[in-house]
């Protein structure tokens, strides 16, 4: 199993589980293309890649890459590759930004496995990283099950803007 210190031949990536009633694979690809530079030449560890799970995903990834390449001056370096084995990052990398807020993170009282699979931890990690507005947080708050103290802490963080 690869580790951060024994990298071997791997690419750092995220595996996204989504509800097709809430969003589509096409929408996820749109977000992918909008949020990074697919023309950058980087090492295998940090390369731009789309990992597909079936022929439909592969075809849609290829179609969106073709459309994206029409709007770029530099050639796209993104690889479209069949998904194989996925390894979770080491514990200390899981929800890294949330972990930097030790009091909040510890107050969630999650086991290491729960940290990986927790929807709440994932949402809070995004907000801590500056990916969400106070308005969105307030709208989502009733579904997060946070204590008053946790919610107040998050509101203070979100009010500061993106974390560096």
C-alpha atoms as a PDB file:
ATOM      1  CA  UNK A   1       0.000   0.000   0.000  1.00  0.00           C
ATOM      2  CA  UNK A   2       1.457   3.391  -0.935  1.00  0.00           C
ATOM      3  CA  UNK A   3       2.162   5.938   1.769  1.00  0.00           C
ATOM      4  CA  UNK A   4       2.992   9.611   1.579  1.00  0.00           C
ATOM      5  CA  UNK A   5       6.651   8.874   2.344  1.00  0.00           C
ATOM      6  CA  UNK A   6       6.928   5.819   0.055  1.00  0.00           C
ATOM      7  CA  UNK A   7       5.157   7.246  -2.954  1.00  0.00           C
ATOM      8  CA  UNK A   8       5.954   4.751  -5.656  1.00  0.00           C
ATOM      9  CA  UNK A   9       3.987   5.079  -8.857  1.00  0.00           C
ATOM     10  CA  UNK A  10       0.682   6.721  -7.960  1.00  0.00           C
ATOM     11  CA  UNK A  11      -1.455   9.798  -8.491  1.00  0.00           C
ATOM     12  CA  UNK A  12      -3.007  11.713  -5.622  1.00  0.00           C
ATOM     13  CA  UNK A  13      -6.730  11.866  -6.283  1.00  0.00           C
ATOM     14  CA  UNK A  14     -10.144  11.990  -4.718  1.00  0.00           C
ATOM     15  CA  UNK A  15     -12.863   9.427  -5.072  1.00  0.00           C
ATOM     16  CA  UNK A  16     -16.274  11.045  -5.234  1.00  0.00           C
ATOM     17  CA  UNK A  17     -19.455   9.307  -4.226  1.00  0.00           C
ATOM     18  CA  UNK A  18     -22.494  11.254  -5.318  1.00  0.00           C
ATOM     19  CA  UNK A  19     -26.252  10.948  -5.378  1.00  0.00           C
ATOM     20  CA  UNK A  20     -27.438  11.043  -9.020  1.00  0.00           C
ATOM     21  CA  UNK A  21     -30.706  12.558  -7.732  1.00  0.00           C
ATOM     22  CA  UNK A  22     -28.698  15.572  -6.519  1.00  0.00           C
ATOM     23  CA  UNK A  23     -26.143  15.985  -9.318  1.00  0.00           C
ATOM     24  CA  UNK A  24     -24.899  14.218 -12.413  1.00  0.00           C
ATOM     25  CA  UNK A  25     -21.583  12.864 -13.622  1.00  0.00           C
ATOM     26  CA  UNK A  26     -21.712  15.523 -16.339  1.00  0.00           C
ATOM     27  CA  UNK A  27     -21.998  18.240 -13.683  1.00  0.00           C
ATOM     28  CA  UNK A  28     -19.044  16.793 -11.768  1.00  0.00           C
ATOM     29  CA  UNK A  29     -16.993  16.890 -14.970  1.00  0.00           C
ATOM     30  CA  UNK A  30     -18.011  20.513 -15.511  1.00  0.00           C
ATOM     31  CA  UNK A  31     -16.760  21.362 -12.008  1.00  0.00           C
ATOM     32  CA  UNK A  32     -13.559  19.420 -12.691  1.00  0.00           C
ATOM     33  CA  UNK A  33     -12.778  21.393 -15.849  1.00  0.00           C
ATOM     34  CA  UNK A  34     -13.621  24.748 -14.236  1.00  0.00           C
ATOM     35  CA  UNK A  35     -11.452  24.338 -11.161  1.00  0.00           C
ATOM     36  CA  UNK A  36      -7.945  23.576 -12.334  1.00  0.00           C
ATOM     37  CA  UNK A  37      -5.554  24.043 -15.232  1.00  0.00           C
ATOM     38  CA  UNK A  38      -5.741  20.831 -17.284  1.00  0.00           C
ATOM     39  CA  UNK A  39      -2.950  22.051 -19.559  1.00  0.00           C
ATOM     40  CA  UNK A  40      -0.298  22.116 -16.828  1.00  0.00           C
ATOM     41  CA  UNK A  41       2.505  19.576 -17.170  1.00  0.00           C
ATOM     42  CA  UNK A  42       3.165  18.065 -13.769  1.00  0.00           C
ATOM     43  CA  UNK A  43       4.552  14.864 -12.280  1.00  0.00           C
ATOM     44  CA  UNK A  44       2.528  11.668 -12.186  1.00  0.00           C
ATOM     45  CA  UNK A  45       1.865  12.255  -8.484  1.00  0.00           C
ATOM     46  CA  UNK A  46      -0.077  15.456  -9.232  1.00  0.00           C
ATOM     47  CA  UNK A  47      -1.247  14.881 -12.802  1.00  0.00           C
ATOM     48  CA  UNK A  48      -4.685  15.905 -13.989  1.00  0.00           C
ATOM     49  CA  UNK A  49      -6.754  12.760 -14.411  1.00  0.00           C
ATOM     50  CA  UNK A  50     -10.307  11.531 -14.702  1.00  0.00           C
ATOM     51  CA  UNK A  51     -10.782   7.966 -13.545  1.00  0.00           C
ATOM     52  CA  UNK A  52     -13.870   6.348 -15.048  1.00  0.00           C
ATOM     53  CA  UNK A  53     -15.822   3.321 -13.836  1.00  0.00           C
ATOM     54  CA  UNK A  54     -17.719   2.336 -16.976  1.00  0.00           C
ATOM     55  CA  UNK A  55     -17.936   2.982 -20.703  1.00  0.00           C
ATOM     56  CA  UNK A  56     -20.565   5.719 -20.270  1.00  0.00           C
ATOM     57  CA  UNK A  57     -18.323   7.666 -17.899  1.00  0.00           C
ATOM     58  CA  UNK A  58     -15.368   7.203 -20.238  1.00  0.00           C
ATOM     59  CA  UNK A  59     -17.342   8.479 -23.245  1.00  0.00           C
ATOM     60  CA  UNK A  60     -18.631  11.498 -21.339  1.00  0.00           C
ATOM     61  CA  UNK A  61     -15.148  12.319 -20.023  1.00  0.00           C
ATOM     62  CA  UNK A  62     -13.728  12.126 -23.554  1.00  0.00           C
ATOM     63  CA  UNK A  63     -16.557  14.258 -24.942  1.00  0.00           C
ATOM     64  CA  UNK A  64     -16.097  16.976 -22.314  1.00  0.00           C
ATOM     65  CA  UNK A  65     -12.325  16.943 -22.805  1.00  0.00           C
ATOM     66  CA  UNK A  66     -12.788  17.445 -26.546  1.00  0.00           C
ATOM     67  CA  UNK A  67     -15.119  20.410 -25.925  1.00  0.00           C
ATOM     68  CA  UNK A  68     -12.753  21.821 -23.311  1.00  0.00           C
ATOM     69  CA  UNK A  69      -9.772  21.585 -25.668  1.00  0.00           C
ATOM     70  CA  UNK A  70     -11.612  23.781 -28.179  1.00  0.00           C
ATOM     71  CA  UNK A  71     -11.608  26.614 -25.612  1.00  0.00           C
ATOM     72  CA  UNK A  72      -7.930  26.381 -24.638  1.00  0.00           C
ATOM     73  CA  UNK A  73      -4.791  27.707 -26.281  1.00  0.00           C
ATOM     74  CA  UNK A  74      -2.513  25.080 -24.766  1.00  0.00           C
ATOM     75  CA  UNK A  75      -3.077  21.340 -25.203  1.00  0.00           C
ATOM     76  CA  UNK A  76      -4.862  19.525 -22.405  1.00  0.00           C
ATOM     77  CA  UNK A  77      -2.655  17.155 -20.415  1.00  0.00           C
ATOM     78  CA  UNK A  78      -5.493  15.459 -18.516  1.00  0.00           C
ATOM     79  CA  UNK A  79      -5.443  11.668 -18.694  1.00  0.00           C
ATOM     80  CA  UNK A  80      -8.654   9.651 -18.886  1.00  0.00           C
ATOM     81  CA  UNK A  81      -7.947   6.344 -17.203  1.00  0.00           C
ATOM     82  CA  UNK A  82      -9.944   3.359 -16.035  1.00  0.00           C
ATOM     83  CA  UNK A  83     -10.395   3.365 -12.259  1.00  0.00           C
ATOM     84  CA  UNK A  84      -8.440   0.612 -10.590  1.00  0.00           C
ATOM     85  CA  UNK A  85      -7.476   0.270  -6.973  1.00  0.00           C
ATOM     86  CA  UNK A  86      -8.079   3.301  -4.756  1.00  0.00           C
ATOM     87  CA  UNK A  87      -6.218   3.768  -1.489  1.00  0.00           C
ATOM     88  CA  UNK A  88      -7.418   6.121   1.209  1.00  0.00           C
ATOM     89  CA  UNK A  89      -4.871   8.733   2.239  1.00  0.00           C
ATOM     90  CA  UNK A  90      -3.161   8.295   5.576  1.00  0.00           C
ATOM     91  CA  UNK A  91      -5.218   9.353   8.594  1.00  0.00           C
ATOM     92  CA  UNK A  92      -3.510  12.694   9.129  1.00  0.00           C
ATOM     93  CA  UNK A  93      -4.380  13.718   5.548  1.00  0.00           C
ATOM     94  CA  UNK A  94      -8.089  12.961   5.957  1.00  0.00           C
ATOM     95  CA  UNK A  95     -10.119  16.188   6.210  1.00  0.00           C
ATOM     96  CA  UNK A  96      -6.820  18.006   6.567  1.00  0.00           C
ATOM     97  CA  UNK A  97      -8.214  21.548   6.770  1.00  0.00           C
ATOM     98  CA  UNK A  98     -10.795  20.561   9.376  1.00  0.00           C
ATOM     99  CA  UNK A  99      -8.062  18.856  11.425  1.00  0.00           C
ATOM    100  CA  UNK A 100      -6.248  22.205  11.655  1.00  0.00           C
ATOM    101  CA  UNK A 101      -9.180  23.437  13.757  1.00  0.00           C
ATOM    102  CA  UNK A 102      -8.314  20.998  16.548  1.00  0.00           C
ATOM    103  CA  UNK A 103     -11.036  22.013  18.987  1.00  0.00           C
ATOM    104  CA  UNK A 104     -13.767  21.720  16.387  1.00  0.00           C
ATOM    105  CA  UNK A 105     -12.335  18.521  14.933  1.00  0.00           C
ATOM    106  CA  UNK A 106     -12.011  16.853  18.344  1.00  0.00           C
ATOM    107  CA  UNK A 107     -15.513  17.954  19.338  1.00  0.00           C
ATOM    108  CA  UNK A 108     -16.926  15.850  16.501  1.00  0.00           C
ATOM    109  CA  UNK A 109     -15.649  12.738  18.311  1.00  0.00           C
ATOM    110  CA  UNK A 110     -15.189  10.714  15.136  1.00  0.00           C
ATOM    111  CA  UNK A 111     -13.133   7.545  14.823  1.00  0.00           C
ATOM    112  CA  UNK A 112     -10.547   7.484  12.019  1.00  0.00           C
ATOM    113  CA  UNK A 113     -12.898   5.421   9.836  1.00  0.00           C
ATOM    114  CA  UNK A 114     -15.765   7.800  10.564  1.00  0.00           C
ATOM    115  CA  UNK A 115     -13.580  10.769   9.548  1.00  0.00           C
ATOM    116  CA  UNK A 116     -13.141   9.203   6.104  1.00  0.00           C
ATOM    117  CA  UNK A 117     -16.830   8.450   5.607  1.00  0.00           C
ATOM    118  CA  UNK A 118     -18.478  11.361   7.438  1.00  0.00           C
ATOM    119  CA  UNK A 119     -20.573  13.613   5.229  1.00  0.00           C
ATOM    120  CA  UNK A 120     -20.551  16.226   8.000  1.00  0.00           C
ATOM    121  CA  UNK A 121     -16.752  16.191   8.291  1.00  0.00           C
ATOM    122  CA  UNK A 122     -16.497  16.537   4.501  1.00  0.00           C
ATOM    123  CA  UNK A 123     -18.880  19.514   4.456  1.00  0.00           C
ATOM    124  CA  UNK A 124     -17.105  21.230   7.364  1.00  0.00           C
ATOM    125  CA  UNK A 125     -13.706  20.608   5.748  1.00  0.00           C
ATOM    126  CA  UNK A 126     -14.949  22.427   2.652  1.00  0.00           C
ATOM    127  CA  UNK A 127     -16.302  25.361   4.620  1.00  0.00           C
ATOM    128  CA  UNK A 128     -13.088  25.628   6.637  1.00  0.00           C
ATOM    129  CA  UNK A 129     -11.208  25.759   3.322  1.00  0.00           C
ATOM    130  CA  UNK A 130     -13.308  28.676   2.123  1.00  0.00           C
ATOM    131  CA  UNK A 131     -15.547  26.670  -0.210  1.00  0.00           C
ATOM    132  CA  UNK A 132     -18.955  27.881   0.865  1.00  0.00           C
ATOM    133  CA  UNK A 133     -20.677  31.048   1.908  1.00  0.00           C
ATOM    134  CA  UNK A 134     -22.174  31.971   5.291  1.00  0.00           C
ATOM    135  CA  UNK A 135     -25.569  31.935   3.566  1.00  0.00           C
ATOM    136  CA  UNK A 136     -25.056  28.365   2.323  1.00  0.00           C
ATOM    137  CA  UNK A 137     -23.825  27.281   5.749  1.00  0.00           C
ATOM    138  CA  UNK A 138     -26.916  28.717   7.464  1.00  0.00           C
ATOM    139  CA  UNK A 139     -29.138  26.926   4.960  1.00  0.00           C
ATOM    140  CA  UNK A 140     -27.322  23.623   5.521  1.00  0.00           C
ATOM    141  CA  UNK A 141     -26.867  23.975   9.295  1.00  0.00           C
ATOM    142  CA  UNK A 142     -30.098  22.222  10.397  1.00  0.00           C
ATOM    143  CA  UNK A 143     -28.960  19.057   8.578  1.00  0.00           C
ATOM    144  CA  UNK A 144     -25.447  19.003  10.047  1.00  0.00           C
ATOM    145  CA  UNK A 145     -26.438  18.185  13.625  1.00  0.00           C
ATOM    146  CA  UNK A 146     -23.883  20.565  15.130  1.00  0.00           C
ATOM    147  CA  UNK A 147     -24.027  21.875  18.667  1.00  0.00           C
ATOM    148  CA  UNK A 148     -24.549  25.590  19.225  1.00  0.00           C
ATOM    149  CA  UNK A 149     -20.839  25.924  20.081  1.00  0.00           C
ATOM    150  CA  UNK A 150     -19.752  24.106  16.912  1.00  0.00           C
ATOM    151  CA  UNK A 151     -22.111  26.183  14.758  1.00  0.00           C
ATOM    152  CA  UNK A 152     -20.877  29.433  16.332  1.00  0.00           C
ATOM    153  CA  UNK A 153     -17.259  28.412  15.748  1.00  0.00           C
ATOM    154  CA  UNK A 154     -17.983  27.618  12.105  1.00  0.00           C
ATOM    155  CA  UNK A 155     -19.798  30.924  11.638  1.00  0.00           C
ATOM    156  CA  UNK A 156     -16.737  32.745  12.957  1.00  0.00           C
ATOM    157  CA  UNK A 157     -14.453  30.796  10.608  1.00  0.00           C
ATOM    158  CA  UNK A 158     -16.638  31.347   7.583  1.00  0.00           C
ATOM    159  CA  UNK A 159     -16.839  35.054   8.334  1.00  0.00           C
ATOM    160  CA  UNK A 160     -13.041  35.274   8.027  1.00  0.00           C
ATOM    161  CA  UNK A 161     -13.100  34.133   4.405  1.00  0.00           C
ATOM    162  CA  UNK A 162     -10.875  31.489   2.827  1.00  0.00           C
ATOM    163  CA  UNK A 163      -8.281  29.872   5.063  1.00  0.00           C
ATOM    164  CA  UNK A 164      -4.720  29.748   3.830  1.00  0.00           C
END
